[in-house]
Amino acid sequence: MAVRKIIEIDENKCDGCGLCASACHEGAIQMINGKAKLVRDDYCDGLGDCIGSCPQDAITIIERDAAAYDQAAVDAHLGKSSDAATPPKMSGCPGTMARSLAQKDSPSPSSCNCQDASTSPSEKSMLGHWPVQLTLLAPNAPYFQNANLLLAADCVPFAVADFHGKFLAGKTVAVGCPKLDDAGSYVEKLTQIFKLNKINSLTVVHMEVPCCSGMMAIAMRAIEAAGIELEIKDIMVSLQGDILSENVVQL
């Protein structure tokens, strides 16, 4: 133990947005019970990359007795391997097996047995593959090659009535929650996807709530880690499903 620079988080100021956890390259910050926590001193390098991401000024750099920064411990914590280009093998539940989905023609009105007459029989799914949750996606799945990738916060499809027609058509989708899920693992997975495939375009769509903008931070960190140049179309939607803003970020 020695006196060194390390971050300190004021829990009274923290609003639980999770942006600092997404910005921390070492995974030293995690969201626990709705608050940002420094989980281990030796994961924090004391450089303060997380400070600028905090909208509440809840993070400062102080000097105190702390364990030395340990890069090996960070690599183990993030699950890094010596061969970053080798994707992990998927196992376990057969429902996670990567598969492409053929789009079926919509049923005619006479053949539709829908109980709800208000549902248009012309509506159909635009989903072209399975699975869709970012944790379950295999980076070497064939549908990622030359893909138009859609990274969507998992609340968006519930808010946007025409999510399939407005955002999903013609895209390969990955969904996740930047507040409740492990942002570090999401960065690692997206980095592998970017390294193993030629991605034609990236669209990130998220809700207007502050924590949801962490999806953009995750995408930007993955692009940086993969060492590629890629334009991001950043779309924010309201709680009522309206598009509030569309911006283009070139990395």
Protein backbone atom coordinates (compact mmCIF):
# COMPACT_ATOMS: atom_id res chain seq x y z
CA MET A 1 0.00 0.00 0.00
CA ALA A 2 1.21 3.48 -0.83
CA VAL A 3 -0.26 6.95 -1.21
CA ARG A 4 -1.30 7.46 -4.83
CA LYS A 5 -3.95 9.13 -6.96
CA ILE A 6 -7.28 7.31 -7.16
CA ILE A 7 -10.89 8.24 -7.85
CA GLU A 8 -13.49 8.95 -5.18
CA ILE A 9 -17.24 8.81 -5.84
CA ASP A 10 -19.70 10.96 -3.90
CA GLU A 11 -22.74 8.71 -3.61
CA ASN A 12 -24.92 11.62 -2.52
CA LYS A 13 -24.35 13.28 -5.91
CA CYS A 14 -24.49 10.07 -7.99
CA ASP A 15 -27.79 9.73 -9.87
CA GLY A 16 -27.09 6.20 -11.10
CA CYS A 17 -26.78 7.08 -14.80
CA GLY A 18 -23.94 4.58 -15.29
CA LEU A 19 -21.94 6.74 -17.71
CA CYS A 20 -18.82 6.53 -15.54
CA ALA A 21 -18.98 2.72 -15.55
CA SER A 22 -19.17 2.77 -19.35
CA ALA A 23 -16.25 5.22 -19.55
CA CYS A 24 -13.97 3.24 -17.23
CA HIS A 25 -11.70 1.18 -19.50
CA GLU A 26 -10.54 -0.99 -16.60
CA GLY A 27 -13.94 -1.99 -15.24
CA ALA A 28 -13.07 -0.46 -11.87
CA ILE A 29 -16.51 1.14 -11.54
CA GLN A 30 -19.70 -0.90 -11.36
CA MET A 31 -23.32 0.01 -10.72
CA ILE A 32 -24.43 -1.50 -7.41
CA ASN A 33 -27.89 -0.82 -5.97
CA GLY A 34 -28.28 2.12 -8.34
CA LYS A 35 -25.02 3.83 -7.38
CA ALA A 36 -21.56 3.90 -8.94
CA LYS A 37 -18.97 2.06 -6.85
CA LEU A 38 -15.21 1.67 -7.10
CA VAL A 39 -15.08 -2.11 -6.77
CA ARG A 40 -11.31 -2.54 -6.25
CA ASP A 41 -8.46 -0.08 -5.80
CA ASP A 42 -6.02 -2.06 -7.97
CA TYR A 43 -8.40 -1.79 -10.95
CA CYS A 44 -8.22 2.02 -10.92
CA ASP A 45 -5.27 3.64 -12.69
CA GLY A 46 -6.08 7.06 -11.22
CA LEU A 47 -6.11 8.82 -14.60
CA GLY A 48 -9.75 9.87 -14.24
CA ASP A 49 -11.17 9.02 -17.68
CA CYS A 50 -14.51 8.59 -15.93
CA ILE A 51 -14.64 12.14 -14.54
CA GLY A 52 -15.69 13.90 -17.72
CA SER A 53 -18.55 11.45 -18.28
CA CYS A 54 -20.25 12.24 -14.95
CA PRO A 55 -23.07 14.78 -15.36
CA GLN A 56 -23.32 15.32 -11.60
CA ASP A 57 -19.64 16.04 -10.84
CA ALA A 58 -19.74 13.15 -8.41
CA ILE A 59 -16.23 11.88 -9.18
CA THR A 60 -12.94 13.46 -8.10
CA ILE A 61 -9.32 12.34 -7.94
CA ILE A 62 -7.83 12.22 -4.47
CA GLU A 63 -4.62 10.91 -2.94
CA ARG A 64 -4.85 8.17 -0.32
CA ASP A 65 -3.37 4.83 0.69
CA ALA A 66 -4.38 2.36 -2.02
CA ALA A 67 -3.17 -0.84 -3.61
CA ALA A 68 -1.02 -0.25 -6.69
CA TYR A 69 -2.69 -0.40 -10.09
CA ASP A 70 -2.46 -4.01 -11.39
CA GLN A 71 -2.79 -4.42 -15.18
CA ALA A 72 -2.77 -8.23 -14.93
CA ALA A 73 -5.64 -8.14 -12.46
CA VAL A 74 -7.54 -5.76 -14.77
CA ASP A 75 -7.02 -8.06 -17.76
CA ALA A 76 -8.29 -11.03 -15.76
CA HIS A 77 -11.24 -8.95 -14.53
CA LEU A 78 -12.18 -7.98 -18.09
CA GLY A 79 -11.72 -11.53 -19.34
CA LYS A 80 -9.04 -10.61 -21.87
CA SER A 81 -7.23 -13.46 -23.58
CA SER A 82 -3.89 -13.53 -25.34
CA ASP A 83 -5.69 -13.93 -28.69
CA ALA A 84 -8.29 -11.17 -28.85
CA ALA A 85 -9.27 -12.19 -32.40
CA THR A 86 -10.44 -15.64 -31.30
CA PRO A 87 -14.15 -15.45 -30.48
CA PRO A 88 -15.51 -17.38 -27.50
CA LYS A 89 -17.38 -20.55 -28.22
CA MET A 90 -21.05 -20.46 -27.41
CA SER A 91 -22.36 -23.37 -25.38
CA GLY A 92 -25.22 -24.26 -23.08
CA CYS A 93 -28.80 -23.40 -24.00
CA PRO A 94 -29.54 -24.32 -27.66
CA GLY A 95 -31.65 -21.17 -27.86
CA THR A 96 -28.44 -19.12 -28.05
CA MET A 97 -27.27 -20.81 -31.28
CA ALA A 98 -26.60 -18.26 -34.03
CA ARG A 99 -29.03 -18.54 -36.92
CA SER A 100 -30.27 -16.43 -39.80
CA LEU A 101 -34.02 -16.03 -40.17
CA ALA A 102 -35.78 -16.13 -43.52
CA GLN A 103 -38.45 -13.46 -43.87
CA LYS A 104 -41.90 -14.89 -44.59
CA ASP A 105 -44.59 -13.26 -46.66
CA SER A 106 -47.31 -11.58 -44.61
CA PRO A 107 -50.56 -13.56 -44.28
CA SER A 108 -53.52 -12.41 -46.30
CA PRO A 109 -56.50 -10.98 -44.40
CA SER A 110 -58.56 -14.11 -45.10
CA SER A 111 -55.88 -16.41 -43.63
CA CYS A 112 -55.20 -14.34 -40.54
CA ASN A 113 -56.59 -15.95 -37.38
CA CYS A 114 -55.67 -12.98 -35.19
CA GLN A 115 -58.11 -12.40 -32.37
CA ASP A 116 -57.33 -8.67 -32.33
CA ALA A 117 -58.89 -7.19 -35.45
CA SER A 118 -57.02 -3.92 -34.85
CA THR A 119 -53.71 -5.59 -35.74
CA SER A 120 -52.90 -5.14 -39.41
CA PRO A 121 -52.21 -8.46 -41.15
CA SER A 122 -49.57 -6.67 -43.25
CA GLU A 123 -47.36 -6.20 -40.24
CA LYS A 124 -44.44 -8.63 -40.07
CA SER A 125 -41.17 -9.06 -38.23
CA MET A 126 -38.05 -7.53 -39.75
CA LEU A 127 -35.75 -9.58 -37.53
CA GLY A 128 -33.16 -11.32 -39.67
CA HIS A 129 -31.19 -13.34 -37.11
CA TRP A 130 -31.14 -14.89 -33.63
CA PRO A 131 -30.10 -14.25 -30.87
CA VAL A 132 -30.23 -10.48 -30.45
CA GLN A 133 -28.95 -9.85 -26.89
CA LEU A 134 -25.39 -8.58 -27.11
CA THR A 135 -24.12 -10.97 -24.43
CA LEU A 136 -25.34 -13.97 -26.44
CA LEU A 137 -24.14 -12.87 -29.88
CA ALA A 138 -21.24 -14.76 -31.47
CA PRO A 139 -18.79 -12.22 -32.99
CA ASN A 140 -18.06 -14.53 -35.94
CA ALA A 141 -21.73 -15.11 -36.83
CA PRO A 142 -22.19 -14.80 -40.63
CA TYR A 143 -24.82 -12.07 -40.37
CA PHE A 144 -22.23 -9.59 -39.07
CA GLN A 145 -20.16 -9.61 -42.27
CA ASN A 146 -20.87 -6.46 -44.31
CA ALA A 147 -23.68 -5.65 -41.90
CA ASN A 148 -25.52 -2.45 -41.17
CA LEU A 149 -25.37 -2.81 -37.40
CA LEU A 150 -28.09 -1.49 -35.09
CA LEU A 151 -27.13 -1.16 -31.42
CA ALA A 152 -30.36 -0.60 -29.52
CA ALA A 153 -31.10 0.00 -25.85
CA ASP A 154 -33.52 -2.72 -24.85
CA CYS A 155 -36.29 -0.32 -23.81
CA VAL A 156 -36.49 1.29 -27.26
CA PRO A 157 -38.69 -1.37 -28.94
CA PHE A 158 -41.29 -0.93 -26.20
CA ALA A 159 -41.42 2.84 -26.67
CA VAL A 160 -41.34 2.96 -30.49
CA ALA A 161 -44.50 1.45 -31.96
CA ASP A 162 -42.97 0.97 -35.43
CA PHE A 163 -39.55 -0.17 -34.25
CA HIS A 164 -39.25 -2.86 -36.93
CA GLY A 165 -40.16 -0.62 -39.83
CA LYS A 166 -38.41 2.49 -38.55
CA PHE A 167 -35.12 1.04 -37.29
CA LEU A 168 -34.74 -2.73 -37.74
CA ALA A 169 -35.42 -3.29 -41.45
CA GLY A 170 -32.24 -4.31 -43.26
CA LYS A 171 -30.07 -4.28 -40.14
CA THR A 172 -28.29 -6.71 -37.89
CA VAL A 173 -29.33 -5.88 -34.32
CA ALA A 174 -27.69 -6.10 -30.91
CA VAL A 175 -29.62 -5.04 -27.82
CA GLY A 176 -28.57 -4.32 -24.25
CA CYS A 177 -28.97 -2.06 -21.22
CA PRO A 178 -26.03 0.22 -20.36
CA LYS A 179 -27.34 0.79 -16.81
CA LEU A 180 -28.09 -2.75 -15.63
CA ASP A 181 -25.65 -4.84 -17.69
CA ASP A 182 -21.85 -5.09 -17.67
CA ALA A 183 -20.67 -2.28 -19.93
CA GLY A 184 -17.12 -3.63 -19.97
CA SER A 185 -18.23 -6.97 -21.40
CA TYR A 186 -20.31 -5.14 -24.01
CA VAL A 187 -17.25 -3.17 -25.10
CA GLU A 188 -15.26 -6.40 -25.38
CA LYS A 189 -17.96 -8.11 -27.45
CA LEU A 190 -18.42 -5.17 -29.82
CA THR A 191 -14.64 -4.86 -30.20
CA GLN A 192 -14.49 -8.47 -31.36
CA ILE A 193 -17.37 -7.92 -33.76
CA PHE A 194 -15.62 -4.90 -35.27
CA LYS A 195 -12.28 -6.74 -35.55
CA LEU A 196 -13.71 -9.89 -37.15
CA ASN A 197 -16.14 -8.29 -39.59
CA LYS A 198 -16.51 -5.49 -42.08
CA ILE A 199 -19.28 -3.33 -40.65
CA ASN A 200 -20.80 -1.03 -43.25
CA SER A 201 -22.67 1.27 -40.86
CA LEU A 202 -23.52 1.63 -37.18
CA THR A 203 -26.71 3.10 -35.76
CA VAL A 204 -27.11 3.54 -32.01
CA VAL A 205 -30.66 4.18 -30.78
CA HIS A 206 -31.36 4.88 -27.11
CA MET A 207 -33.92 6.46 -24.81
CA GLU A 208 -33.84 10.07 -23.60
CA VAL A 209 -33.07 9.11 -19.96
CA PRO A 210 -29.44 9.98 -19.05
CA CYS A 211 -28.28 6.45 -18.23
CA CYS A 212 -29.34 5.20 -21.66
CA SER A 213 -26.82 7.41 -23.46
CA GLY A 214 -24.22 4.98 -22.16
CA MET A 215 -24.91 2.97 -25.34
CA MET A 216 -23.02 5.62 -27.31
CA ALA A 217 -20.09 5.48 -24.87
CA ILE A 218 -19.96 1.69 -25.26
CA ALA A 219 -19.96 1.93 -29.06
CA MET A 220 -17.26 4.62 -29.10
CA ARG A 221 -14.99 2.69 -26.75
CA ALA A 222 -15.33 -0.46 -28.87
CA ILE A 223 -14.50 1.39 -32.09
CA GLU A 224 -11.44 2.90 -30.42
CA ALA A 225 -10.34 -0.49 -29.06
CA ALA A 226 -10.80 -2.14 -32.47
CA GLY A 227 -8.68 0.54 -34.12
CA ILE A 228 -11.13 1.24 -36.93
CA GLU A 229 -12.83 4.27 -38.41
CA LEU A 230 -16.61 4.13 -38.40
CA GLU A 231 -19.41 6.66 -38.56
CA ILE A 232 -22.09 6.39 -35.87
CA LYS A 233 -25.64 7.56 -36.35
CA ASP A 234 -26.82 8.48 -32.85
CA ILE A 235 -30.62 8.53 -32.40
CA MET A 236 -32.40 9.52 -29.19
CA VAL A 237 -36.08 8.71 -28.70
CA SER A 238 -38.54 10.01 -26.13
CA LEU A 239 -40.49 7.96 -23.63
CA GLN A 240 -43.45 8.32 -26.01
CA GLY A 241 -41.42 6.88 -28.88
CA ASP A 242 -40.78 10.11 -30.82
CA ILE A 243 -37.36 10.81 -32.33
CA LEU A 244 -35.85 13.69 -30.35
CA SER A 245 -32.50 13.97 -32.12
CA GLU A 246 -30.33 12.43 -34.82
CA ASN A 247 -26.61 13.13 -34.92
CA VAL A 248 -23.71 11.70 -36.89
CA VAL A 249 -20.39 11.08 -35.11
CA GLN A 250 -17.31 10.20 -37.16
CA LEU A 251 -14.65 8.16 -35.36
